[in-house]
mmCIF file of all heavy atoms, coordinates in Angstrom:
data_MODEL
# 
_entry.id   MODEL 
# 
loop_
_atom_site.group_PDB 
_atom_site.id 
_atom_site.type_symbol 
_atom_site.label_atom_id 
_atom_site.label_alt_id 
_atom_site.label_comp_id 
_atom_site.label_asym_id 
_atom_site.label_entity_id 
_atom_site.label_seq_id 
_atom_site.pdbx_PDB_ins_code 
_atom_site.Cartn_x 
_atom_site.Cartn_y 
_atom_site.Cartn_z 
_atom_site.occupancy 
_atom_site.B_iso_or_equiv 
_atom_site.pdbx_formal_charge 
_atom_site.auth_seq_id 
_atom_site.auth_comp_id 
_atom_site.auth_asym_id 
_atom_site.auth_atom_id 
_atom_site.pdbx_PDB_model_num 
ATOM 1   N N   . ARG A 1 1  ? -20.954 48.608 16.844 1.00 0.00 ? 1  ARG A N   1 
ATOM 2   C CA  . ARG A 1 1  ? -21.350 49.802 17.587 1.00 0.00 ? 1  ARG A CA  1 
ATOM 3   C C   . ARG A 1 1  ? -20.877 51.057 16.896 1.00 0.00 ? 1  ARG A C   1 
ATOM 4   O O   . ARG A 1 1  ? -21.553 52.084 16.836 1.00 0.00 ? 1  ARG A O   1 
ATOM 5   C CB  . ARG A 1 1  ? -20.756 49.727 19.000 1.00 0.00 ? 1  ARG A CB  1 
ATOM 6   C CG  . ARG A 1 1  ? -21.358 48.586 19.815 1.00 0.00 ? 1  ARG A CG  1 
ATOM 7   C CD  . ARG A 1 1  ? -21.139 48.845 21.317 1.00 0.00 ? 1  ARG A CD  1 
ATOM 8   N NE  . ARG A 1 1  ? -19.721 48.916 21.654 1.00 0.00 ? 1  ARG A NE  1 
ATOM 9   C CZ  . ARG A 1 1  ? -19.057 47.839 22.134 1.00 0.00 ? 1  ARG A CZ  1 
ATOM 10  N NH1 . ARG A 1 1  ? -19.581 46.696 22.303 1.00 0.00 ? 1  ARG A NH1 1 
ATOM 11  N NH2 . ARG A 1 1  ? -17.734 48.008 22.438 1.00 0.00 ? 1  ARG A NH2 1 
ATOM 12  N N   . GLY A 1 2  ? -19.682 51.025 16.319 1.00 0.00 ? 2  GLY A N   1 
ATOM 13  C CA  . GLY A 1 2  ? -19.159 52.193 15.589 1.00 0.00 ? 2  GLY A CA  1 
ATOM 14  C C   . GLY A 1 2  ? -19.992 52.499 14.354 1.00 0.00 ? 2  GLY A C   1 
ATOM 15  O O   . GLY A 1 2  ? -20.252 53.685 14.050 1.00 0.00 ? 2  GLY A O   1 
ATOM 16  N N   . ARG A 1 3  ? -20.396 51.506 13.646 1.00 0.00 ? 3  ARG A N   1 
ATOM 17  C CA  . ARG A 1 3  ? -21.182 51.689 12.418 1.00 0.00 ? 3  ARG A CA  1 
ATOM 18  C C   . ARG A 1 3  ? -22.567 52.268 12.800 1.00 0.00 ? 3  ARG A C   1 
ATOM 19  O O   . ARG A 1 3  ? -23.048 53.184 12.151 1.00 0.00 ? 3  ARG A O   1 
ATOM 20  C CB  . ARG A 1 3  ? -21.351 50.392 11.682 1.00 0.00 ? 3  ARG A CB  1 
ATOM 21  C CG  . ARG A 1 3  ? -22.093 50.479 10.351 1.00 0.00 ? 3  ARG A CG  1 
ATOM 22  C CD  . ARG A 1 3  ? -21.978 49.232 9.534  1.00 0.00 ? 3  ARG A CD  1 
ATOM 23  N NE  . ARG A 1 3  ? -22.604 48.048 10.152 1.00 0.00 ? 3  ARG A NE  1 
ATOM 24  C CZ  . ARG A 1 3  ? -21.964 47.047 10.680 1.00 0.00 ? 3  ARG A CZ  1 
ATOM 25  N NH1 . ARG A 1 3  ? -20.633 46.987 10.657 1.00 0.00 ? 3  ARG A NH1 1 
ATOM 26  N NH2 . ARG A 1 3  ? -22.597 46.032 11.224 1.00 0.00 ? 3  ARG A NH2 1 
ATOM 27  N N   . VAL A 1 4  ? -23.152 51.731 13.835 1.00 0.00 ? 4  VAL A N   1 
ATOM 28  C CA  . VAL A 1 4  ? -24.470 52.231 14.280 1.00 0.00 ? 4  VAL A CA  1 
ATOM 29  C C   . VAL A 1 4  ? -24.326 53.681 14.792 1.00 0.00 ? 4  VAL A C   1 
ATOM 30  O O   . VAL A 1 4  ? -25.165 54.536 14.419 1.00 0.00 ? 4  VAL A O   1 
ATOM 31  C CB  . VAL A 1 4  ? -25.030 51.336 15.417 1.00 0.00 ? 4  VAL A CB  1 
ATOM 32  C CG1 . VAL A 1 4  ? -26.250 51.999 16.069 1.00 0.00 ? 4  VAL A CG1 1 
ATOM 33  C CG2 . VAL A 1 4  ? -25.436 49.985 14.854 1.00 0.00 ? 4  VAL A CG2 1 
ATOM 34  N N   . LYS A 1 5  ? -23.308 53.955 15.521 1.00 0.00 ? 5  LYS A N   1 
ATOM 35  C CA  . LYS A 1 5  ? -23.091 55.306 16.036 1.00 0.00 ? 5  LYS A CA  1 
ATOM 36  C C   . LYS A 1 5  ? -22.940 56.303 14.907 1.00 0.00 ? 5  LYS A C   1 
ATOM 37  O O   . LYS A 1 5  ? -23.481 57.428 14.973 1.00 0.00 ? 5  LYS A O   1 
ATOM 38  C CB  . LYS A 1 5  ? -21.862 55.336 16.961 1.00 0.00 ? 5  LYS A CB  1 
ATOM 39  C CG  . LYS A 1 5  ? -21.757 56.619 17.794 1.00 0.00 ? 5  LYS A CG  1 
ATOM 40  C CD  . LYS A 1 5  ? -20.724 56.457 18.864 1.00 0.00 ? 5  LYS A CD  1 
ATOM 41  C CE  . LYS A 1 5  ? -20.746 57.628 19.827 1.00 0.00 ? 5  LYS A CE  1 
ATOM 42  N NZ  . LYS A 1 5  ? -19.802 57.473 20.951 1.00 0.00 ? 5  LYS A NZ  1 
ATOM 43  N N   . ALA A 1 6  ? -22.272 55.897 13.825 1.00 0.00 ? 6  ALA A N   1 
ATOM 44  C CA  . ALA A 1 6  ? -22.099 56.813 12.674 1.00 0.00 ? 6  ALA A CA  1 
ATOM 45  C C   . ALA A 1 6  ? -23.452 57.094 12.010 1.00 0.00 ? 6  ALA A C   1 
ATOM 46  O O   . ALA A 1 6  ? -23.736 58.192 11.598 1.00 0.00 ? 6  ALA A O   1 
ATOM 47  C CB  . ALA A 1 6  ? -21.107 56.183 11.685 1.00 0.00 ? 6  ALA A CB  1 
ATOM 48  N N   . GLY A 1 7  ? -24.292 56.045 11.917 1.00 0.00 ? 7  GLY A N   1 
ATOM 49  C CA  . GLY A 1 7  ? -25.626 56.198 11.351 1.00 0.00 ? 7  GLY A CA  1 
ATOM 50  C C   . GLY A 1 7  ? -26.495 57.088 12.202 1.00 0.00 ? 7  GLY A C   1 
ATOM 51  O O   . GLY A 1 7  ? -27.247 57.936 11.667 1.00 0.00 ? 7  GLY A O   1 
ATOM 52  N N   . ILE A 1 8  ? -26.375 56.945 13.515 1.00 0.00 ? 8  ILE A N   1 
ATOM 53  C CA  . ILE A 1 8  ? -27.138 57.796 14.401 1.00 0.00 ? 8  ILE A CA  1 
ATOM 54  C C   . ILE A 1 8  ? -26.718 59.265 14.322 1.00 0.00 ? 8  ILE A C   1 
ATOM 55  O O   . ILE A 1 8  ? -27.550 60.162 14.307 1.00 0.00 ? 8  ILE A O   1 
ATOM 56  C CB  . ILE A 1 8  ? -26.976 57.256 15.877 1.00 0.00 ? 8  ILE A CB  1 
ATOM 57  C CG1 . ILE A 1 8  ? -27.722 55.932 16.068 1.00 0.00 ? 8  ILE A CG1 1 
ATOM 58  C CG2 . ILE A 1 8  ? -27.522 58.302 16.884 1.00 0.00 ? 8  ILE A CG2 1 
ATOM 59  C CD1 . ILE A 1 8  ? -27.431 55.244 17.335 1.00 0.00 ? 8  ILE A CD1 1 
ATOM 60  N N   . LYS A 1 9  ? -25.425 59.463 14.223 1.00 0.00 ? 9  LYS A N   1 
ATOM 61  C CA  . LYS A 1 9  ? -24.905 60.834 14.132 1.00 0.00 ? 9  LYS A CA  1 
ATOM 62  C C   . LYS A 1 9  ? -25.449 61.535 12.852 1.00 0.00 ? 9  LYS A C   1 
ATOM 63  O O   . LYS A 1 9  ? -25.782 62.717 12.869 1.00 0.00 ? 9  LYS A O   1 
ATOM 64  C CB  . LYS A 1 9  ? -23.374 60.851 14.108 1.00 0.00 ? 9  LYS A CB  1 
ATOM 65  C CG  . LYS A 1 9  ? -22.764 62.216 14.220 1.00 0.00 ? 9  LYS A CG  1 
ATOM 66  C CD  . LYS A 1 9  ? -21.282 62.190 14.402 1.00 0.00 ? 9  LYS A CD  1 
ATOM 67  C CE  . LYS A 1 9  ? -20.682 63.574 14.522 1.00 0.00 ? 9  LYS A CE  1 
ATOM 68  N NZ  . LYS A 1 9  ? -19.198 63.531 14.708 1.00 0.00 ? 9  LYS A NZ  1 
ATOM 69  N N   . LYS A 1 10 ? -25.555 60.766 11.794 1.00 0.00 ? 10 LYS A N   1 
ATOM 70  C CA  . LYS A 1 10 ? -26.106 61.304 10.522 1.00 0.00 ? 10 LYS A CA  1 
ATOM 71  C C   . LYS A 1 10 ? -27.554 61.626 10.722 1.00 0.00 ? 10 LYS A C   1 
ATOM 72  O O   . LYS A 1 10 ? -28.006 62.703 10.257 1.00 0.00 ? 10 LYS A O   1 
ATOM 73  C CB  . LYS A 1 10 ? -25.881 60.285 9.398  1.00 0.00 ? 10 LYS A CB  1 
ATOM 74  C CG  . LYS A 1 10 ? -26.353 60.785 8.032  1.00 0.00 ? 10 LYS A CG  1 
ATOM 75  C CD  . LYS A 1 10 ? -26.060 59.741 6.978  1.00 0.00 ? 10 LYS A CD  1 
ATOM 76  C CE  . LYS A 1 10 ? -26.545 60.262 5.590  1.00 0.00 ? 10 LYS A CE  1 
ATOM 77  N NZ  . LYS A 1 10 ? -26.295 59.219 4.537  1.00 0.00 ? 10 LYS A NZ  1 
ATOM 78  N N   . MET A 1 11 ? -28.316 60.759 11.336 1.00 0.00 ? 11 MET A N   1 
ATOM 79  C CA  . MET A 1 11 ? -29.728 60.996 11.554 1.00 0.00 ? 11 MET A CA  1 
ATOM 80  C C   . MET A 1 11 ? -29.970 62.206 12.473 1.00 0.00 ? 11 MET A C   1 
ATOM 81  O O   . MET A 1 11 ? -30.818 63.076 12.164 1.00 0.00 ? 11 MET A O   1 
ATOM 82  C CB  . MET A 1 11 ? -30.452 59.791 12.142 1.00 0.00 ? 11 MET A CB  1 
ATOM 83  C CG  . MET A 1 11 ? -31.943 60.043 12.455 1.00 0.00 ? 11 MET A CG  1 
ATOM 84  S SD  . MET A 1 11 ? -32.716 58.757 13.468 1.00 0.00 ? 11 MET A SD  1 
ATOM 85  C CE  . MET A 1 11 ? -33.051 57.556 12.181 1.00 0.00 ? 11 MET A CE  1 
ATOM 86  N N   . THR A 1 12 ? -29.254 62.257 13.588 1.00 0.00 ? 12 THR A N   1 
ATOM 87  C CA  . THR A 1 12 ? -29.536 63.329 14.539 1.00 0.00 ? 12 THR A CA  1 
ATOM 88  C C   . THR A 1 12 ? -29.148 64.680 13.981 1.00 0.00 ? 12 THR A C   1 
ATOM 89  O O   . THR A 1 12 ? -29.703 65.732 14.386 1.00 0.00 ? 12 THR A O   1 
ATOM 90  C CB  . THR A 1 12 ? -28.749 63.071 15.852 1.00 0.00 ? 12 THR A CB  1 
ATOM 91  O OG1 . THR A 1 12 ? -27.369 62.896 15.557 1.00 0.00 ? 12 THR A OG1 1 
ATOM 92  C CG2 . THR A 1 12 ? -29.280 61.852 16.586 1.00 0.00 ? 12 THR A CG2 1 
ATOM 93  N N   . ALA A 1 13 ? -28.205 64.721 13.038 1.00 0.00 ? 13 ALA A N   1 
ATOM 94  C CA  . ALA A 1 13 ? -27.879 66.009 12.394 1.00 0.00 ? 13 ALA A CA  1 
ATOM 95  C C   . ALA A 1 13 ? -29.067 66.589 11.647 1.00 0.00 ? 13 ALA A C   1 
ATOM 96  O O   . ALA A 1 13 ? -29.136 67.793 11.442 1.00 0.00 ? 13 ALA A O   1 
ATOM 97  C CB  . ALA A 1 13 ? -26.680 65.818 11.460 1.00 0.00 ? 13 ALA A CB  1 
ATOM 98  N N   . GLU A 1 14 ? -29.970 65.711 11.234 1.00 0.00 ? 14 GLU A N   1 
ATOM 99  C CA  . GLU A 1 14 ? -31.193 66.167 10.494 1.00 0.00 ? 14 GLU A CA  1 
ATOM 100 C C   . GLU A 1 14 ? -32.264 66.630 11.462 1.00 0.00 ? 14 GLU A C   1 
ATOM 101 O O   . GLU A 1 14 ? -33.226 67.269 11.042 1.00 0.00 ? 14 GLU A O   1 
ATOM 102 C CB  . GLU A 1 14 ? -31.724 65.018 9.644  1.00 0.00 ? 14 GLU A CB  1 
ATOM 103 C CG  . GLU A 1 14 ? -30.739 64.522 8.589  1.00 0.00 ? 14 GLU A CG  1 
ATOM 104 C CD  . GLU A 1 14 ? -31.279 63.281 7.858  1.00 0.00 ? 14 GLU A CD  1 
ATOM 105 O OE1 . GLU A 1 14 ? -32.497 62.964 8.012  1.00 0.00 ? 14 GLU A OE1 1 
ATOM 106 O OE2 . GLU A 1 14 ? -30.497 62.638 7.115  1.00 0.00 ? 14 GLU A OE2 1 
ATOM 107 N N   . PHE A 1 15 ? -32.102 66.300 12.766 1.00 0.00 ? 15 PHE A N   1 
ATOM 108 C CA  . PHE A 1 15 ? -33.096 66.677 13.773 1.00 0.00 ? 15 PHE A CA  1 
ATOM 109 C C   . PHE A 1 15 ? -32.394 67.366 14.958 1.00 0.00 ? 15 PHE A C   1 
ATOM 110 O O   . PHE A 1 15 ? -32.379 66.813 16.072 1.00 0.00 ? 15 PHE A O   1 
ATOM 111 C CB  . PHE A 1 15 ? -33.863 65.450 14.222 1.00 0.00 ? 15 PHE A CB  1 
ATOM 112 C CG  . PHE A 1 15 ? -34.660 64.759 13.174 1.00 0.00 ? 15 PHE A CG  1 
ATOM 113 C CD1 . PHE A 1 15 ? -34.105 63.719 12.432 1.00 0.00 ? 15 PHE A CD1 1 
ATOM 114 C CD2 . PHE A 1 15 ? -35.952 65.189 12.897 1.00 0.00 ? 15 PHE A CD2 1 
ATOM 115 C CE1 . PHE A 1 15 ? -34.817 63.054 11.453 1.00 0.00 ? 15 PHE A CE1 1 
ATOM 116 C CE2 . PHE A 1 15 ? -36.675 64.518 11.896 1.00 0.00 ? 15 PHE A CE2 1 
ATOM 117 C CZ  . PHE A 1 15 ? -36.103 63.479 11.183 1.00 0.00 ? 15 PHE A CZ  1 
ATOM 118 N N   . PRO A 1 16 ? -31.768 68.501 14.776 1.00 0.00 ? 16 PRO A N   1 
ATOM 119 C CA  . PRO A 1 16 ? -31.002 69.142 15.865 1.00 0.00 ? 16 PRO A CA  1 
ATOM 120 C C   . PRO A 1 16 ? -31.917 69.600 16.996 1.00 0.00 ? 16 PRO A C   1 
ATOM 121 O O   . PRO A 1 16 ? -33.114 69.928 16.780 1.00 0.00 ? 16 PRO A O   1 
ATOM 122 C CB  . PRO A 1 16 ? -30.331 70.358 15.151 1.00 0.00 ? 16 PRO A CB  1 
ATOM 123 C CG  . PRO A 1 16 ? -31.225 70.662 14.038 1.00 0.00 ? 16 PRO A CG  1 
ATOM 124 C CD  . PRO A 1 16 ? -31.758 69.356 13.534 1.00 0.00 ? 16 PRO A CD  1 
ATOM 125 N N   . ILE A 1 17 ? -31.360 69.632 18.180 1.00 0.00 ? 17 ILE A N   1 
ATOM 126 C CA  . ILE A 1 17 ? -32.101 70.103 19.359 1.00 0.00 ? 17 ILE A CA  1 
ATOM 127 C C   . ILE A 1 17 ? -31.863 71.556 19.598 1.00 0.00 ? 17 ILE A C   1 
ATOM 128 O O   . ILE A 1 17 ? -32.762 72.403 19.575 1.00 0.00 ? 17 ILE A O   1 
ATOM 129 C CB  . ILE A 1 17 ? -31.721 69.283 20.625 1.00 0.00 ? 17 ILE A CB  1 
ATOM 130 C CG1 . ILE A 1 17 ? -31.579 67.829 20.329 1.00 0.00 ? 17 ILE A CG1 1 
ATOM 131 C CG2 . ILE A 1 17 ? -32.736 69.522 21.733 1.00 0.00 ? 17 ILE A CG2 1 
ATOM 132 C CD1 . ILE A 1 17 ? -30.812 67.037 21.412 1.00 0.00 ? 17 ILE A CD1 1 
ATOM 133 N N   . TYR A 1 18 ? -30.612 71.883 19.848 1.00 0.00 ? 18 TYR A N   1 
ATOM 134 C CA  . TYR A 1 18 ? -30.151 73.270 20.111 1.00 0.00 ? 18 TYR A CA  1 
ATOM 135 C C   . TYR A 1 18 ? -29.026 73.617 19.156 1.00 0.00 ? 18 TYR A C   1 
ATOM 136 O O   . TYR A 1 18 ? -27.894 73.709 19.567 1.00 0.00 ? 18 TYR A O   1 
ATOM 137 C CB  . TYR A 1 18 ? -29.686 73.420 21.554 1.00 0.00 ? 18 TYR A CB  1 
ATOM 138 C CG  . TYR A 1 18 ? -30.616 72.855 22.594 1.00 0.00 ? 18 TYR A CG  1 
ATOM 139 C CD1 . TYR A 1 18 ? -30.252 71.789 23.398 1.00 0.00 ? 18 TYR A CD1 1 
ATOM 140 C CD2 . TYR A 1 18 ? -31.878 73.437 22.845 1.00 0.00 ? 18 TYR A CD2 1 
ATOM 141 C CE1 . TYR A 1 18 ? -31.093 71.279 24.347 1.00 0.00 ? 18 TYR A CE1 1 
ATOM 142 C CE2 . TYR A 1 18 ? -32.744 72.950 23.795 1.00 0.00 ? 18 TYR A CE2 1 
ATOM 143 C CZ  . TYR A 1 18 ? -32.342 71.832 24.558 1.00 0.00 ? 18 TYR A CZ  1 
ATOM 144 O OH  . TYR A 1 18 ? -33.163 71.343 25.527 1.00 0.00 ? 18 TYR A OH  1 
ATOM 145 N N   . PRO A 1 19 ? -29.336 73.771 17.902 1.00 0.00 ? 19 PRO A N   1 
ATOM 146 C CA  . PRO A 1 19 ? -28.279 73.898 16.908 1.00 0.00 ? 19 PRO A CA  1 
ATOM 147 C C   . PRO A 1 19 ? -27.284 75.105 17.065 1.00 0.00 ? 19 PRO A C   1 
ATOM 148 O O   . PRO A 1 19 ? -26.126 75.032 16.654 1.00 0.00 ? 19 PRO A O   1 
ATOM 149 C CB  . PRO A 1 19 ? -28.982 74.027 15.560 1.00 0.00 ? 19 PRO A CB  1 
ATOM 150 C CG  . PRO A 1 19 ? -30.377 74.505 15.945 1.00 0.00 ? 19 PRO A CG  1 
ATOM 151 C CD  . PRO A 1 19 ? -30.678 73.894 17.299 1.00 0.00 ? 19 PRO A CD  1 
ATOM 152 N N   . ASN A 1 20 ? -27.757 76.152 17.684 1.00 0.00 ? 20 ASN A N   1 
ATOM 153 C CA  . ASN A 1 20 ? -26.902 77.339 17.849 1.00 0.00 ? 20 ASN A CA  1 
ATOM 154 C C   . ASN A 1 20 ? -26.466 77.631 19.269 1.00 0.00 ? 20 ASN A C   1 
ATOM 155 O O   . ASN A 1 20 ? -25.978 78.701 19.580 1.00 0.00 ? 20 ASN A O   1 
ATOM 156 C CB  . ASN A 1 20 ? -27.611 78.586 17.287 1.00 0.00 ? 20 ASN A CB  1 
ATOM 157 C CG  . ASN A 1 20 ? -27.953 78.413 15.833 1.00 0.00 ? 20 ASN A CG  1 
ATOM 158 O OD1 . ASN A 1 20 ? -27.114 78.048 14.998 1.00 0.00 ? 20 ASN A OD1 1 
ATOM 159 N ND2 . ASN A 1 20 ? -29.241 78.707 15.467 1.00 0.00 ? 20 ASN A ND2 1 
ATOM 160 N N   . LEU A 1 21 ? -26.659 76.641 20.142 1.00 0.00 ? 21 LEU A N   1 
ATOM 161 C CA  . LEU A 1 21 ? -26.334 76.839 21.542 1.00 0.00 ? 21 LEU A CA  1 
ATOM 162 C C   . LEU A 1 21 ? -24.855 77.015 21.805 1.00 0.00 ? 21 LEU A C   1 
ATOM 163 O O   . LEU A 1 21 ? -24.419 77.806 22.636 1.00 0.00 ? 21 LEU A O   1 
ATOM 164 C CB  . LEU A 1 21 ? -26.876 75.635 22.360 1.00 0.00 ? 21 LEU A CB  1 
ATOM 165 C CG  . LEU A 1 21 ? -26.803 75.830 23.904 1.00 0.00 ? 21 LEU A CG  1 
ATOM 166 C CD1 . LEU A 1 21 ? -27.655 76.995 24.347 1.00 0.00 ? 21 LEU A CD1 1 
ATOM 167 C CD2 . LEU A 1 21 ? -27.282 74.582 24.614 1.00 0.00 ? 21 LEU A CD2 1 
ATOM 168 N N   . ILE A 1 22 ? -24.049 76.287 21.002 1.00 0.00 ? 22 ILE A N   1 
ATOM 169 C CA  . ILE A 1 22 ? -22.592 76.351 21.184 1.00 0.00 ? 22 ILE A CA  1 
ATOM 170 C C   . ILE A 1 22 ? -21.977 76.520 19.794 1.00 0.00 ? 22 ILE A C   1 
ATOM 171 O O   . ILE A 1 22 ? -22.326 75.788 18.848 1.00 0.00 ? 22 ILE A O   1 
ATOM 172 C CB  . ILE A 1 22 ? -22.025 75.082 21.832 1.00 0.00 ? 22 ILE A CB  1 
ATOM 173 C CG1 . ILE A 1 22 ? -22.487 74.978 23.266 1.00 0.00 ? 22 ILE A CG1 1 
ATOM 174 C CG2 . ILE A 1 22 ? -20.510 75.056 21.764 1.00 0.00 ? 22 ILE A CG2 1 
ATOM 175 C CD1 . ILE A 1 22 ? -22.052 73.727 23.969 1.00 0.00 ? 22 ILE A CD1 1 
ATOM 176 N N   . LYS A 1 23 ? -21.070 77.493 19.710 1.00 0.00 ? 23 LYS A N   1 
ATOM 177 C CA  . LYS A 1 23 ? -20.309 77.716 18.483 1.00 0.00 ? 23 LYS A CA  1 
ATOM 178 C C   . LYS A 1 23 ? -18.808 77.530 18.855 1.00 0.00 ? 23 LYS A C   1 
ATOM 179 O O   . LYS A 1 23 ? -18.271 78.357 19.581 1.00 0.00 ? 23 LYS A O   1 
ATOM 180 C CB  . LYS A 1 23 ? -20.559 79.046 17.826 1.00 0.00 ? 23 LYS A CB  1 
ATOM 181 C CG  . LYS A 1 23 ? -21.975 79.260 17.359 1.00 0.00 ? 23 LYS A CG  1 
ATOM 182 C CD  . LYS A 1 23 ? -22.174 80.546 16.643 1.00 0.00 ? 23 LYS A CD  1 
ATOM 183 C CE  . LYS A 1 23 ? -23.628 80.771 16.223 1.00 0.00 ? 23 LYS A CE  1 
ATOM 184 N NZ  . LYS A 1 23 ? -24.069 79.786 15.249 1.00 0.00 ? 23 LYS A NZ  1 
ATOM 185 N N   . GLU A 1 24 ? -18.250 76.425 18.408 1.00 0.00 ? 24 GLU A N   1 
ATOM 186 C CA  . GLU A 1 24 ? -16.848 76.143 18.810 1.00 0.00 ? 24 GLU A CA  1 
ATOM 187 C C   . GLU A 1 24 ? -15.852 76.705 17.818 1.00 0.00 ? 24 GLU A C   1 
ATOM 188 O O   . GLU A 1 24 ? -16.144 76.892 16.677 1.00 0.00 ? 24 GLU A O   1 
ATOM 189 C CB  . GLU A 1 24 ? -16.679 74.669 18.964 1.00 0.00 ? 24 GLU A CB  1 
ATOM 190 C CG  . GLU A 1 24 ? -17.571 74.070 20.032 1.00 0.00 ? 24 GLU A CG  1 
ATOM 191 C CD  . GLU A 1 24 ? -17.404 72.555 20.168 1.00 0.00 ? 24 GLU A CD  1 
ATOM 192 O OE1 . GLU A 1 24 ? -17.896 71.835 19.251 1.00 0.00 ? 24 GLU A OE1 1 
ATOM 193 O OE2 . GLU A 1 24 ? -16.823 72.102 21.170 1.00 0.00 ? 24 GLU A OE2 1 
# 
């Protein structure tokens, strides 16, 4: 699950939804 989650995080970074909605 951890390995898959890391792969998903990498993919979703290429397809952002609201990239500037929050600046932490």
